[in-house]
Amino acid sequence: MDVSIIIINYRTPQLIINCLNSIHQHTSGVTFEVIIVDNDPENGGGDLIRGTYPSVRWIDLPSNPGFGIANNKGMAIAKGKYFLLLNADTLVTDNVIGRCFERLEIRQDIIACGALQYYPDGTPMPFYQSFNEFRKTFFILPPGGTTDNILNRFYPEPQYSDPDQYDWLVGAFIFLRREGFEKTGGFSPDFFMYGEDVEWSGRLGKLGKLCYFKDCKFIHLENNNPFRRTNISWINRFSTQMQVSNFLWVRKQYGVFQYLLLIAHYISMVPVVFGWKIAFNIKSSRNPLIELRTQRIYVRKTVVILKYFWQTLFLKKGSYKIKPHENIDLLTASA
């Protein structure tokens, strides 16, 4: 078996059927199997998928442990020389799977590669190209000028001699050698959702290069789910679950000091974000205390982050899945 394709099902049967249709239509030159891990068998619509593609290998999980653990379950039974972790809400438009297989057969210095994400309308989807580029977005500071210079000084961009090499691969499409899983153990079980691909990339990168190839692309539909960001603003750039996961990644990869630096920053910014808005209201001759909803959301998200402070600081084992009442994005969206 050349490639084991692993897809997680969470109530997305038709998306998976569409994804498999595109794979069977465009993939050639490789033998492959499909493994589907169902995080919600009772409501996942598995019968619909199995009825359309009876050859798929199926794993039903008793509960929803999250993206990383479910992928680990799939990789543990995979037979392929290579694994492809693929989101349910994706489509391939050419033989990208065969192309990735050929590249890694030739390039023994690469442990895993990804494909560039595109929107359904054919425009490229932006992505963070380095760990430090991603880390800089965590700081709630005025963009441009002095701020950018300071952040760039402390978090410089890496310089690689290989133009295809990057720091990390987006979890929606990761094509890796079997030994990448066997030597790392796969995704960390601590991550429920988000951040797990970043953290795993840090460990995979110690085994070999992580690369993107410009001629390897796929469509990412980005289906709705309750953990995606719903209240984007300058000071609320990530959903609550993303924030908790991202802070866990920083603690794991960069240590206590960098984690405490972020915590201190978010706490210290509480009076600042309120002060900015109040000053703006006064300058605009308005009531100083109106339109502070975004600031209140920031405070509530920071409170949730602090609830996980000791657990993150000491890297206690267990799922860092936020509780329903902590999902500020859903609560504020329905308010």
Protein backbone atom coordinates (compact mmCIF):
# COMPACT_ATOMS: atom_id res chain seq x y z
CA MET A 1 0.00 0.00 0.00
CA ASP A 2 1.48 3.34 -1.04
CA VAL A 3 -0.76 5.80 0.82
CA SER A 4 -3.21 5.58 3.71
CA ILE A 5 -5.67 8.48 3.57
CA ILE A 6 -7.13 9.31 6.98
CA ILE A 7 -10.22 11.48 7.33
CA ILE A 8 -12.08 12.45 10.49
CA ASN A 9 -15.88 12.40 10.37
CA TYR A 10 -17.80 14.70 12.68
CA ARG A 11 -21.31 14.89 11.25
CA THR A 12 -20.01 15.61 7.73
CA PRO A 13 -21.01 12.56 5.64
CA GLN A 14 -21.78 14.41 2.41
CA LEU A 15 -18.58 16.44 2.61
CA ILE A 16 -16.60 13.23 2.97
CA ILE A 17 -18.39 11.63 0.02
CA ASN A 18 -17.58 14.69 -2.09
CA CYS A 19 -13.98 14.53 -0.91
CA LEU A 20 -13.70 10.82 -1.76
CA ASN A 21 -15.30 11.41 -5.15
CA SER A 22 -12.56 13.94 -5.95
CA ILE A 23 -9.84 11.57 -4.72
CA HIS A 24 -11.04 8.67 -6.86
CA GLN A 25 -11.50 10.94 -9.85
CA HIS A 26 -8.06 12.52 -9.82
CA THR A 27 -5.66 10.15 -8.06
CA SER A 28 -3.50 7.84 -10.18
CA GLY A 29 -0.14 6.10 -10.04
CA VAL A 30 -0.47 5.11 -6.36
CA THR A 31 -2.32 2.44 -4.41
CA PHE A 32 -4.28 3.85 -1.51
CA GLU A 33 -6.68 2.96 1.25
CA VAL A 34 -9.13 5.25 3.03
CA ILE A 35 -9.55 5.16 6.81
CA ILE A 36 -12.37 7.16 8.36
CA VAL A 37 -12.46 7.83 12.09
CA ASP A 38 -15.91 8.82 13.32
CA ASN A 39 -15.94 11.15 16.33
CA ASP A 40 -19.72 10.96 16.65
CA PRO A 41 -21.00 7.60 15.31
CA GLU A 42 -24.53 8.15 16.57
CA ASN A 43 -25.00 11.34 14.53
CA GLY A 44 -22.18 11.07 11.99
CA GLY A 45 -24.10 9.60 9.05
CA GLY A 46 -21.60 6.79 8.64
CA ASP A 47 -24.08 4.51 6.86
CA LEU A 48 -24.34 7.04 4.04
CA ILE A 49 -20.58 7.04 3.51
CA ARG A 50 -20.19 3.27 3.81
CA GLY A 51 -23.08 2.78 1.41
CA THR A 52 -21.31 4.90 -1.19
CA TYR A 53 -17.77 3.64 -0.47
CA PRO A 54 -18.02 0.21 1.16
CA SER A 55 -14.26 -0.36 0.90
CA VAL A 56 -13.36 2.31 3.46
CA ARG A 57 -11.89 1.14 6.74
CA TRP A 58 -13.93 2.50 9.63
CA ILE A 59 -13.22 3.35 13.27
CA ASP A 60 -16.04 4.41 15.60
CA LEU A 61 -14.90 6.30 18.67
CA PRO A 62 -17.09 6.30 21.80
CA SER A 63 -16.77 10.06 22.24
CA ASN A 64 -15.27 13.08 20.50
CA PRO A 65 -11.63 13.21 21.67
CA GLY A 66 -10.69 15.86 19.13
CA PHE A 67 -8.84 16.10 15.84
CA GLY A 68 -5.41 14.90 16.92
CA ILE A 69 -6.38 11.80 18.89
CA ALA A 70 -8.77 10.69 16.15
CA ASN A 71 -6.00 10.98 13.54
CA ASN A 72 -3.66 9.03 15.80
CA LYS A 73 -6.22 6.20 15.92
CA GLY A 74 -6.34 6.14 12.13
CA MET A 75 -2.57 6.21 11.71
CA ALA A 76 -2.18 3.38 14.22
CA ILE A 77 -3.98 0.92 11.90
CA ALA A 78 -2.79 2.37 8.58
CA LYS A 79 -0.99 0.05 6.16
CA GLY A 80 0.55 2.61 3.85
CA LYS A 81 4.16 3.57 3.37
CA TYR A 82 2.91 7.16 3.55
CA PHE A 83 0.00 8.73 5.41
CA LEU A 84 -2.21 11.56 4.19
CA LEU A 85 -4.19 13.37 6.87
CA LEU A 86 -7.00 15.11 5.03
CA ASN A 87 -9.86 17.27 6.27
CA ALA A 88 -13.41 16.21 5.45
CA ASP A 89 -14.15 19.63 3.95
CA THR A 90 -11.55 19.39 1.19
CA LEU A 91 -11.46 18.58 -2.51
CA VAL A 92 -8.54 17.62 -4.72
CA THR A 93 -8.59 18.92 -8.27
CA ASP A 94 -5.70 16.99 -9.79
CA ASN A 95 -3.29 14.19 -8.93
CA VAL A 96 -1.83 16.05 -5.95
CA ILE A 97 -1.65 12.82 -3.91
CA GLY A 98 0.40 11.10 -6.58
CA ARG A 99 2.62 14.15 -6.91
CA CYS A 100 3.34 14.26 -3.15
CA PHE A 101 4.13 10.54 -3.25
CA GLU A 102 6.63 11.03 -6.08
CA ARG A 103 8.32 13.99 -4.33
CA LEU A 104 8.89 12.12 -1.09
CA GLU A 105 10.11 9.05 -2.96
CA ILE A 106 12.80 11.26 -4.50
CA ARG A 107 13.46 13.66 -1.61
CA GLN A 108 14.61 11.54 1.32
CA ASP A 109 15.43 14.70 3.29
CA ILE A 110 11.71 15.51 3.63
CA ILE A 111 9.73 13.92 6.47
CA ALA A 112 6.39 15.48 5.46
CA CYS A 113 4.90 17.89 2.98
CA GLY A 114 1.72 19.89 2.62
CA ALA A 115 -0.35 21.35 -0.18
CA LEU A 116 -1.36 24.97 -0.62
CA GLN A 117 -4.95 25.75 0.35
CA TYR A 118 -7.30 27.44 -2.09
CA TYR A 119 -10.80 28.85 -1.64
CA PRO A 120 -13.59 27.36 -3.80
CA ASP A 121 -13.38 30.40 -6.11
CA GLY A 122 -9.78 29.53 -6.97
CA THR A 123 -8.03 32.20 -4.92
CA PRO A 124 -5.16 31.17 -2.62
CA MET A 125 -5.83 30.96 1.09
CA PRO A 126 -3.24 32.77 3.25
CA PHE A 127 -1.39 30.79 5.88
CA TYR A 128 1.28 31.38 8.51
CA GLN A 129 4.62 30.42 7.01
CA SER A 130 6.70 30.23 10.19
CA PHE A 131 6.36 29.70 13.92
CA ASN A 132 7.50 33.25 14.65
CA GLU A 133 5.08 34.81 12.17
CA PHE A 134 2.30 32.99 14.00
CA ARG A 135 3.58 33.91 17.47
CA LYS A 136 3.70 37.61 16.61
CA THR A 137 -0.06 37.61 15.99
CA PHE A 138 -0.69 36.71 19.64
CA PHE A 139 0.41 40.14 20.80
CA ILE A 140 -2.32 42.78 20.96
CA LEU A 141 -0.24 45.76 19.86
CA PRO A 142 -0.74 48.59 17.34
CA PRO A 143 0.40 47.37 13.91
CA GLY A 144 3.18 48.98 11.93
CA GLY A 145 6.29 51.05 12.65
CA THR A 146 7.97 50.61 16.01
CA THR A 147 5.79 47.70 17.09
CA ASP A 148 6.65 45.62 14.04
CA ASN A 149 10.35 46.39 14.43
CA ILE A 150 10.32 45.25 18.06
CA LEU A 151 8.45 42.02 17.33
CA ASN A 152 10.64 41.26 14.31
CA ARG A 153 13.73 41.73 16.42
CA PHE A 154 12.58 39.28 19.11
CA TYR A 155 10.85 36.87 16.71
CA PRO A 156 12.90 36.91 13.48
CA GLU A 157 11.84 34.91 10.46
CA PRO A 158 13.85 31.72 9.81
CA GLN A 159 16.15 31.55 6.82
CA TYR A 160 16.17 28.26 4.91
CA SER A 161 18.42 27.40 1.97
CA ASP A 162 15.63 25.20 0.60
CA PRO A 163 12.90 27.47 -0.89
CA ASP A 164 10.29 24.74 -0.31
CA GLN A 165 10.97 24.42 3.42
CA TYR A 166 8.65 25.86 6.08
CA ASP A 167 8.24 25.59 9.84
CA TRP A 168 4.91 23.86 9.96
CA LEU A 169 2.17 22.20 7.93
CA VAL A 170 -1.54 22.95 8.12
CA GLY A 171 -3.48 19.99 9.52
CA ALA A 172 -6.02 20.00 6.67
CA PHE A 173 -3.47 18.27 4.39
CA ILE A 174 -0.36 16.58 5.80
CA PHE A 175 1.43 13.98 3.68
CA LEU A 176 4.07 12.21 5.75
CA ARG A 177 6.27 9.17 5.92
CA ARG A 178 5.11 6.36 8.18
CA GLU A 179 8.18 6.80 10.38
CA GLY A 180 7.07 10.38 11.08
CA PHE A 181 4.21 8.91 13.07
CA GLU A 182 6.13 5.97 14.50
CA LYS A 183 9.01 8.10 15.82
CA THR A 184 6.90 10.95 17.26
CA GLY A 185 3.76 9.14 18.39
CA GLY A 186 1.63 11.50 16.32
CA PHE A 187 -0.34 14.44 17.61
CA SER A 188 -0.14 15.33 21.28
CA PRO A 189 -3.27 14.01 23.04
CA ASP A 190 -3.47 17.21 25.09
CA PHE A 191 -4.84 19.24 22.17
CA PHE A 192 -8.56 18.94 21.49
CA MET A 193 -8.60 21.20 18.46
CA TYR A 194 -6.25 23.80 16.95
CA GLY A 195 -2.57 24.09 17.69
CA GLU A 196 -2.02 20.35 17.41
CA ASP A 197 -0.64 20.61 13.88
CA VAL A 198 1.73 23.40 14.90
CA GLU A 199 3.03 21.48 17.91
CA TRP A 200 3.45 18.23 15.97
CA SER A 201 5.25 20.06 13.17
CA GLY A 202 7.84 21.19 15.70
CA ARG A 203 8.60 17.56 16.54
CA LEU A 204 8.35 16.31 12.96
CA GLY A 205 10.79 19.02 11.87
CA LYS A 206 13.49 17.38 13.99
CA LEU A 207 13.27 14.29 11.78
CA GLY A 208 13.49 16.04 8.43
CA LYS A 209 12.26 18.94 6.35
CA LEU A 210 8.65 20.12 6.19
CA CYS A 211 7.88 21.40 2.71
CA TYR A 212 5.20 22.97 0.55
CA PHE A 213 5.35 22.66 -3.20
CA LYS A 214 3.82 25.38 -5.35
CA ASP A 215 2.30 22.87 -7.76
CA CYS A 216 0.55 20.95 -4.96
CA LYS A 217 -2.84 22.48 -4.19
CA PHE A 218 -6.26 21.57 -2.85
CA ILE A 219 -9.58 23.27 -2.12
CA HIS A 220 -10.49 23.86 1.52
CA LEU A 221 -14.19 24.57 1.94
CA GLU A 222 -13.93 25.36 5.68
CA ASN A 223 -17.26 23.96 6.85
CA ASN A 224 -18.98 25.44 9.88
CA ASN A 225 -18.16 24.06 13.30
CA PRO A 226 -18.76 25.46 16.77
CA PHE A 227 -15.09 26.05 17.52
CA ARG A 228 -14.26 28.30 14.60
CA ARG A 229 -13.81 31.98 15.25
CA THR A 230 -17.07 33.89 15.19
CA ASN A 231 -16.14 37.28 16.63
CA ILE A 232 -13.10 38.49 14.76
CA SER A 233 -11.80 41.91 15.69
CA TRP A 234 -8.40 43.49 16.09
CA ILE A 235 -8.18 42.46 19.75
CA ASN A 236 -10.12 39.18 19.35
CA ARG A 237 -8.27 37.51 16.52
CA PHE A 238 -8.76 33.89 17.59
CA SER A 239 -11.63 31.87 19.01
CA THR A 240 -11.49 30.90 22.66
CA GLN A 241 -10.52 27.29 21.91
CA MET A 242 -7.79 28.52 19.56
CA GLN A 243 -6.38 30.77 22.26
CA VAL A 244 -6.21 28.00 24.88
CA SER A 245 -4.60 25.64 22.36
CA ASN A 246 -2.15 28.24 21.06
CA PHE A 247 -0.97 29.11 24.56
CA LEU A 248 -0.47 25.41 25.29
CA TRP A 249 1.67 25.12 22.14
CA VAL A 250 3.84 28.10 23.19
CA ARG A 251 4.35 26.55 26.63
CA LYS A 252 5.30 23.17 25.16
CA GLN A 253 7.64 24.41 22.44
CA TYR A 254 9.13 27.58 23.93
CA GLY A 255 9.02 27.07 27.68
CA VAL A 256 7.78 28.78 30.81
CA PHE A 257 9.14 32.28 30.19
CA GLN A 258 7.48 32.74 26.80
CA TYR A 259 4.19 31.42 28.17
CA LEU A 260 4.29 33.73 31.20
CA LEU A 261 5.18 36.64 28.91
CA LEU A 262 1.97 36.08 26.94
CA ILE A 263 -0.13 35.73 30.08
CA ALA A 264 1.31 38.97 31.50
CA HIS A 265 0.68 40.71 28.18
CA TYR A 266 -2.98 39.71 28.00
CA ILE A 267 -3.65 40.75 31.58
CA SER A 268 -1.86 44.08 31.18
CA MET A 269 -3.81 44.84 28.01
CA VAL A 270 -7.21 44.72 29.76
CA PRO A 271 -7.10 48.37 30.94
CA VAL A 272 -5.38 49.39 27.71
CA VAL A 273 -8.08 48.09 25.34
CA PHE A 274 -10.75 49.78 27.45
CA GLY A 275 -8.72 52.98 27.62
CA TRP A 276 -8.25 53.08 23.84
CA LYS A 277 -11.97 52.77 23.21
CA ILE A 278 -13.01 55.23 25.92
CA ALA A 279 -10.50 57.78 24.62
CA PHE A 280 -11.84 57.28 21.09
CA ASN A 281 -15.41 57.81 22.29
CA ILE A 282 -14.46 61.00 24.09
CA LYS A 283 -12.61 62.29 21.03
CA SER A 284 -15.71 61.56 18.95
CA SER A 285 -17.90 63.46 21.46
CA ARG A 286 -19.79 60.32 22.43
CA ASN A 287 -20.63 58.63 25.69
CA PRO A 288 -17.28 57.24 26.90
CA LEU A 289 -18.86 53.93 27.94
CA ILE A 290 -20.73 52.97 24.77
CA GLU A 291 -19.79 50.27 22.24
CA LEU A 292 -17.50 48.35 24.59
CA ARG A 293 -18.75 44.91 23.52
CA THR A 294 -15.48 43.94 21.82
CA GLN A 295 -13.53 44.90 24.92
CA ARG A 296 -15.81 42.85 27.15
CA ILE A 297 -15.35 39.83 24.88
CA TYR A 298 -11.58 40.25 25.21
CA VAL A 299 -11.86 40.22 29.02
CA ARG A 300 -14.06 37.13 29.01
CA LYS A 301 -11.66 35.28 26.73
CA THR A 302 -8.73 36.26 28.91
CA VAL A 303 -10.57 34.91 31.95
CA VAL A 304 -10.99 31.55 30.19
CA ILE A 305 -7.28 31.49 29.30
CA LEU A 306 -6.48 32.08 32.97
CA LYS A 307 -8.70 29.16 33.99
CA TYR A 308 -6.20 26.92 32.22
CA PHE A 309 -3.17 28.73 33.63
CA TRP A 310 -1.93 26.17 36.16
CA GLN A 311 -2.78 23.23 33.92
CA THR A 312 -0.77 24.80 31.09
CA LEU A 313 2.08 26.06 33.25
CA PHE A 314 2.80 22.60 34.63
CA LEU A 315 1.81 20.81 31.39
CA LYS A 316 -0.67 18.59 33.16
CA LYS A 317 -1.86 15.73 31.00
CA GLY A 318 -5.44 15.74 29.78
CA SER A 319 -7.65 17.36 27.19
CA TYR A 320 -7.48 21.14 26.94
CA LYS A 321 -10.98 21.22 25.51
CA ILE A 322 -12.89 24.25 26.67
CA LYS A 323 -16.25 23.66 28.30
CA PRO A 324 -19.48 24.80 26.58
CA HIS A 325 -19.99 27.69 28.99
CA GLU A 326 -16.43 28.85 28.26
CA ASN A 327 -16.98 29.12 24.52
CA ILE A 328 -17.28 32.90 24.48
CA ASP A 329 -17.59 32.96 20.67
CA LEU A 330 -20.82 30.97 20.67
CA LEU A 331 -22.22 32.79 23.68
CA THR A 332 -21.59 36.24 22.22
CA ALA A 333 -22.79 35.23 18.77
CA SER A 334 -26.15 34.17 20.19
CA ALA A 335 -26.48 37.12 22.54
